[in-house]
């Protein structure tokens, strides 16, 4: 079950810039504990799915897992040994643009120790450094 948009206005997108820190989606809002990215990267739909499956297998239907990022950026790639020119290549995979501070996954309904272990398994599947964070107390 690969994550990708149902439909898009434009099939292909330019690469863009990924500078700066996350200003949105950078705090735990749905669950009690979260996994926060510490680097900038394009996280692919396959990597997100691998993390989700690893956590679900570990938790054995306990608690709830929230995926806070969605791969909505089409990444195109030309085949090997192809000459330059002849237009932009077809879409190879879908990726989510992740900046430092973005919350990738959240977990609710499990004790802190179990959540830490589950999020560690997700972090192992991610291509970037991540850290375990808890929910901030609102004043």
C-alpha atoms as a PDB file:
ATOM      1  CA  UNK A   1       0.000   0.000   0.000  1.00  0.00           C
ATOM      2  CA  UNK A   2       2.231   2.778  -1.270  1.00  0.00           C
ATOM      3  CA  UNK A   3       1.344   6.324  -0.238  1.00  0.00           C
ATOM      4  CA  UNK A   4       0.766   8.678  -3.157  1.00  0.00           C
ATOM      5  CA  UNK A   5      -1.793  11.320  -4.138  1.00  0.00           C
ATOM      6  CA  UNK A   6      -5.009  10.149  -5.819  1.00  0.00           C
ATOM      7  CA  UNK A   7      -4.696  12.878  -8.430  1.00  0.00           C
ATOM      8  CA  UNK A   8      -2.465  15.903  -9.032  1.00  0.00           C
ATOM      9  CA  UNK A   9      -2.856  19.061 -11.060  1.00  0.00           C
ATOM     10  CA  UNK A  10       0.603  18.689 -12.653  1.00  0.00           C
ATOM     11  CA  UNK A  11       2.355  15.355 -13.208  1.00  0.00           C
ATOM     12  CA  UNK A  12       5.911  16.658 -12.740  1.00  0.00           C
ATOM     13  CA  UNK A  13       7.436  19.171 -10.336  1.00  0.00           C
ATOM     14  CA  UNK A  14      10.680  21.091 -10.068  1.00  0.00           C
ATOM     15  CA  UNK A  15      13.122  20.122  -7.336  1.00  0.00           C
ATOM     16  CA  UNK A  16      12.903  23.321  -5.250  1.00  0.00           C
ATOM     17  CA  UNK A  17      14.949  24.412  -2.224  1.00  0.00           C
ATOM     18  CA  UNK A  18      14.896  22.723   1.174  1.00  0.00           C
ATOM     19  CA  UNK A  19      16.556  25.337   3.360  1.00  0.00           C
ATOM     20  CA  UNK A  20      15.491  26.391   6.848  1.00  0.00           C
ATOM     21  CA  UNK A  21      13.640  24.639   9.639  1.00  0.00           C
ATOM     22  CA  UNK A  22      10.045  23.418   9.712  1.00  0.00           C
ATOM     23  CA  UNK A  23       7.562  26.089  10.774  1.00  0.00           C
ATOM     24  CA  UNK A  24       4.495  23.852  10.474  1.00  0.00           C
ATOM     25  CA  UNK A  25       3.948  20.329  11.728  1.00  0.00           C
ATOM     26  CA  UNK A  26       6.785  20.690  14.231  1.00  0.00           C
ATOM     27  CA  UNK A  27       5.004  19.723  17.464  1.00  0.00           C
ATOM     28  CA  UNK A  28       3.094  16.668  18.691  1.00  0.00           C
ATOM     29  CA  UNK A  29      -0.617  17.308  18.200  1.00  0.00           C
ATOM     30  CA  UNK A  30      -2.492  14.007  17.685  1.00  0.00           C
ATOM     31  CA  UNK A  31      -0.664  11.467  19.853  1.00  0.00           C
ATOM     32  CA  UNK A  32       1.295  11.579  23.103  1.00  0.00           C
ATOM     33  CA  UNK A  33       4.780  10.857  21.699  1.00  0.00           C
ATOM     34  CA  UNK A  34       6.379  11.641  18.367  1.00  0.00           C
ATOM     35  CA  UNK A  35       9.399  11.114  16.118  1.00  0.00           C
ATOM     36  CA  UNK A  36      11.021  14.395  15.083  1.00  0.00           C
ATOM     37  CA  UNK A  37      13.348  14.771  12.084  1.00  0.00           C
ATOM     38  CA  UNK A  38      16.712  16.459  12.696  1.00  0.00           C
ATOM     39  CA  UNK A  39      17.844  16.735   9.059  1.00  0.00           C
ATOM     40  CA  UNK A  40      16.541  17.825   5.669  1.00  0.00           C
ATOM     41  CA  UNK A  41      15.619  15.040   3.243  1.00  0.00           C
ATOM     42  CA  UNK A  42      13.128  13.678   0.736  1.00  0.00           C
ATOM     43  CA  UNK A  43      11.564  10.729   2.584  1.00  0.00           C
ATOM     44  CA  UNK A  44      10.078   8.315   0.059  1.00  0.00           C
ATOM     45  CA  UNK A  45       6.672   6.650   0.299  1.00  0.00           C
ATOM     46  CA  UNK A  46       8.384   3.248   0.625  1.00  0.00           C
ATOM     47  CA  UNK A  47      10.431   4.415   3.624  1.00  0.00           C
ATOM     48  CA  UNK A  48       7.329   5.803   5.361  1.00  0.00           C
ATOM     49  CA  UNK A  49       5.456   2.564   4.704  1.00  0.00           C
ATOM     50  CA  UNK A  50       8.371   0.487   6.030  1.00  0.00           C
ATOM     51  CA  UNK A  51       8.355   2.532   9.244  1.00  0.00           C
ATOM     52  CA  UNK A  52       4.586   2.142   9.636  1.00  0.00           C
ATOM     53  CA  UNK A  53       4.754  -1.634   9.167  1.00  0.00           C
ATOM     54  CA  UNK A  54       7.681  -1.988  11.620  1.00  0.00           C
ATOM     55  CA  UNK A  55       5.773  -0.099  14.317  1.00  0.00           C
ATOM     56  CA  UNK A  56       2.516  -1.983  13.744  1.00  0.00           C
ATOM     57  CA  UNK A  57       4.274  -5.353  13.985  1.00  0.00           C
ATOM     58  CA  UNK A  58       5.975  -4.299  17.221  1.00  0.00           C
ATOM     59  CA  UNK A  59       2.870  -2.806  18.869  1.00  0.00           C
ATOM     60  CA  UNK A  60       0.632  -5.785  17.924  1.00  0.00           C
ATOM     61  CA  UNK A  61      -2.558  -3.707  17.422  1.00  0.00           C
ATOM     62  CA  UNK A  62      -2.039  -1.660  20.606  1.00  0.00           C
ATOM     63  CA  UNK A  63      -2.321   2.113  20.513  1.00  0.00           C
ATOM     64  CA  UNK A  64      -2.684   4.266  17.397  1.00  0.00           C
ATOM     65  CA  UNK A  65      -0.019   5.385  14.916  1.00  0.00           C
ATOM     66  CA  UNK A  66      -0.322   8.716  13.083  1.00  0.00           C
ATOM     67  CA  UNK A  67       1.781   9.474   9.986  1.00  0.00           C
ATOM     68  CA  UNK A  68       2.212  13.257   9.947  1.00  0.00           C
ATOM     69  CA  UNK A  69       3.898  13.646   6.531  1.00  0.00           C
ATOM     70  CA  UNK A  70       2.521  12.731   3.122  1.00  0.00           C
ATOM     71  CA  UNK A  71       4.577  12.017  -0.012  1.00  0.00           C
ATOM     72  CA  UNK A  72       3.086  14.498  -2.487  1.00  0.00           C
ATOM     73  CA  UNK A  73       6.231  15.430  -4.443  1.00  0.00           C
ATOM     74  CA  UNK A  74       6.798  13.477  -7.695  1.00  0.00           C
ATOM     75  CA  UNK A  75      10.485  12.660  -8.222  1.00  0.00           C
ATOM     76  CA  UNK A  76      11.479  11.855 -11.795  1.00  0.00           C
ATOM     77  CA  UNK A  77      14.577   9.953 -12.869  1.00  0.00           C
ATOM     78  CA  UNK A  78      16.040   9.266 -16.305  1.00  0.00           C
ATOM     79  CA  UNK A  79      16.999   5.674 -17.138  1.00  0.00           C
ATOM     80  CA  UNK A  80      20.686   4.705 -17.062  1.00  0.00           C
ATOM     81  CA  UNK A  81      22.767   5.261 -20.218  1.00  0.00           C
ATOM     82  CA  UNK A  82      20.281   7.720 -21.706  1.00  0.00           C
ATOM     83  CA  UNK A  83      21.513  10.707 -23.703  1.00  0.00           C
ATOM     84  CA  UNK A  84      20.820  14.243 -22.500  1.00  0.00           C
ATOM     85  CA  UNK A  85      17.787  16.024 -23.865  1.00  0.00           C
ATOM     86  CA  UNK A  86      14.519  14.394 -24.953  1.00  0.00           C
ATOM     87  CA  UNK A  87      12.571  16.077 -22.146  1.00  0.00           C
ATOM     88  CA  UNK A  88      12.000  15.379 -18.483  1.00  0.00           C
ATOM     89  CA  UNK A  89      11.845  11.761 -17.339  1.00  0.00           C
ATOM     90  CA  UNK A  90       8.807   9.939 -15.975  1.00  0.00           C
ATOM     91  CA  UNK A  91       7.933   9.918 -12.271  1.00  0.00           C
ATOM     92  CA  UNK A  92      10.020   7.294 -10.459  1.00  0.00           C
ATOM     93  CA  UNK A  93       8.630   7.644  -6.922  1.00  0.00           C
ATOM     94  CA  UNK A  94       6.803   9.993  -4.540  1.00  0.00           C
ATOM     95  CA  UNK A  95       8.498  11.782  -1.650  1.00  0.00           C
ATOM     96  CA  UNK A  96       7.644  13.969   1.324  1.00  0.00           C
ATOM     97  CA  UNK A  97       9.790  17.079   1.823  1.00  0.00           C
ATOM     98  CA  UNK A  98      11.054  16.869   5.413  1.00  0.00           C
ATOM     99  CA  UNK A  99      12.833  19.763   7.120  1.00  0.00           C
ATOM    100  CA  UNK A 100      14.513  19.760  10.552  1.00  0.00           C
ATOM    101  CA  UNK A 101      11.843  19.846  13.260  1.00  0.00           C
ATOM    102  CA  UNK A 102       9.105  18.072  11.299  1.00  0.00           C
ATOM    103  CA  UNK A 103       7.188  15.433  13.245  1.00  0.00           C
ATOM    104  CA  UNK A 104       7.137  12.278  11.113  1.00  0.00           C
ATOM    105  CA  UNK A 105       5.153   9.811  13.255  1.00  0.00           C
ATOM    106  CA  UNK A 106       3.064  10.024  16.420  1.00  0.00           C
ATOM    107  CA  UNK A 107       1.857   7.308  18.785  1.00  0.00           C
ATOM    108  CA  UNK A 108      -1.055   7.421  21.243  1.00  0.00           C
ATOM    109  CA  UNK A 109      -2.536   4.973  23.735  1.00  0.00           C
ATOM    110  CA  UNK A 110       0.645   3.159  24.831  1.00  0.00           C
ATOM    111  CA  UNK A 111       3.077   3.639  27.772  1.00  0.00           C
ATOM    112  CA  UNK A 112       6.160   5.803  27.211  1.00  0.00           C
ATOM    113  CA  UNK A 113       8.636   2.890  27.237  1.00  0.00           C
ATOM    114  CA  UNK A 114       6.669   0.984  24.586  1.00  0.00           C
ATOM    115  CA  UNK A 115       6.295   4.148  22.472  1.00  0.00           C
ATOM    116  CA  UNK A 116      10.056   4.761  22.695  1.00  0.00           C
ATOM    117  CA  UNK A 117      10.810   1.256  21.426  1.00  0.00           C
ATOM    118  CA  UNK A 118       8.251   1.487  18.604  1.00  0.00           C
ATOM    119  CA  UNK A 119       9.521   4.891  17.441  1.00  0.00           C
ATOM    120  CA  UNK A 120      13.118   3.592  17.607  1.00  0.00           C
ATOM    121  CA  UNK A 121      12.109   0.872  15.127  1.00  0.00           C
ATOM    122  CA  UNK A 122      10.602   3.520  12.842  1.00  0.00           C
ATOM    123  CA  UNK A 123      13.719   5.711  13.178  1.00  0.00           C
ATOM    124  CA  UNK A 124      15.862   2.763  12.082  1.00  0.00           C
ATOM    125  CA  UNK A 125      13.930   2.653   8.789  1.00  0.00           C
ATOM    126  CA  UNK A 126      14.257   6.412   8.143  1.00  0.00           C
ATOM    127  CA  UNK A 127      17.167   7.788   6.071  1.00  0.00           C
ATOM    128  CA  UNK A 128      17.708  10.697   8.505  1.00  0.00           C
ATOM    129  CA  UNK A 129      18.542  11.236  12.164  1.00  0.00           C
ATOM    130  CA  UNK A 130      15.424  11.467  14.346  1.00  0.00           C
ATOM    131  CA  UNK A 131      14.653  11.999  18.018  1.00  0.00           C
ATOM    132  CA  UNK A 132      11.906  10.953  20.421  1.00  0.00           C
ATOM    133  CA  UNK A 133       9.722  13.844  21.650  1.00  0.00           C
ATOM    134  CA  UNK A 134       6.746  14.068  23.975  1.00  0.00           C
ATOM    135  CA  UNK A 135       3.709  16.296  23.900  1.00  0.00           C
ATOM    136  CA  UNK A 136       4.230  19.849  25.200  1.00  0.00           C
ATOM    137  CA  UNK A 137       2.004  20.859  28.090  1.00  0.00           C
ATOM    138  CA  UNK A 138      -0.268  23.776  27.087  1.00  0.00           C
ATOM    139  CA  UNK A 139      -0.489  26.597  29.647  1.00  0.00           C
END
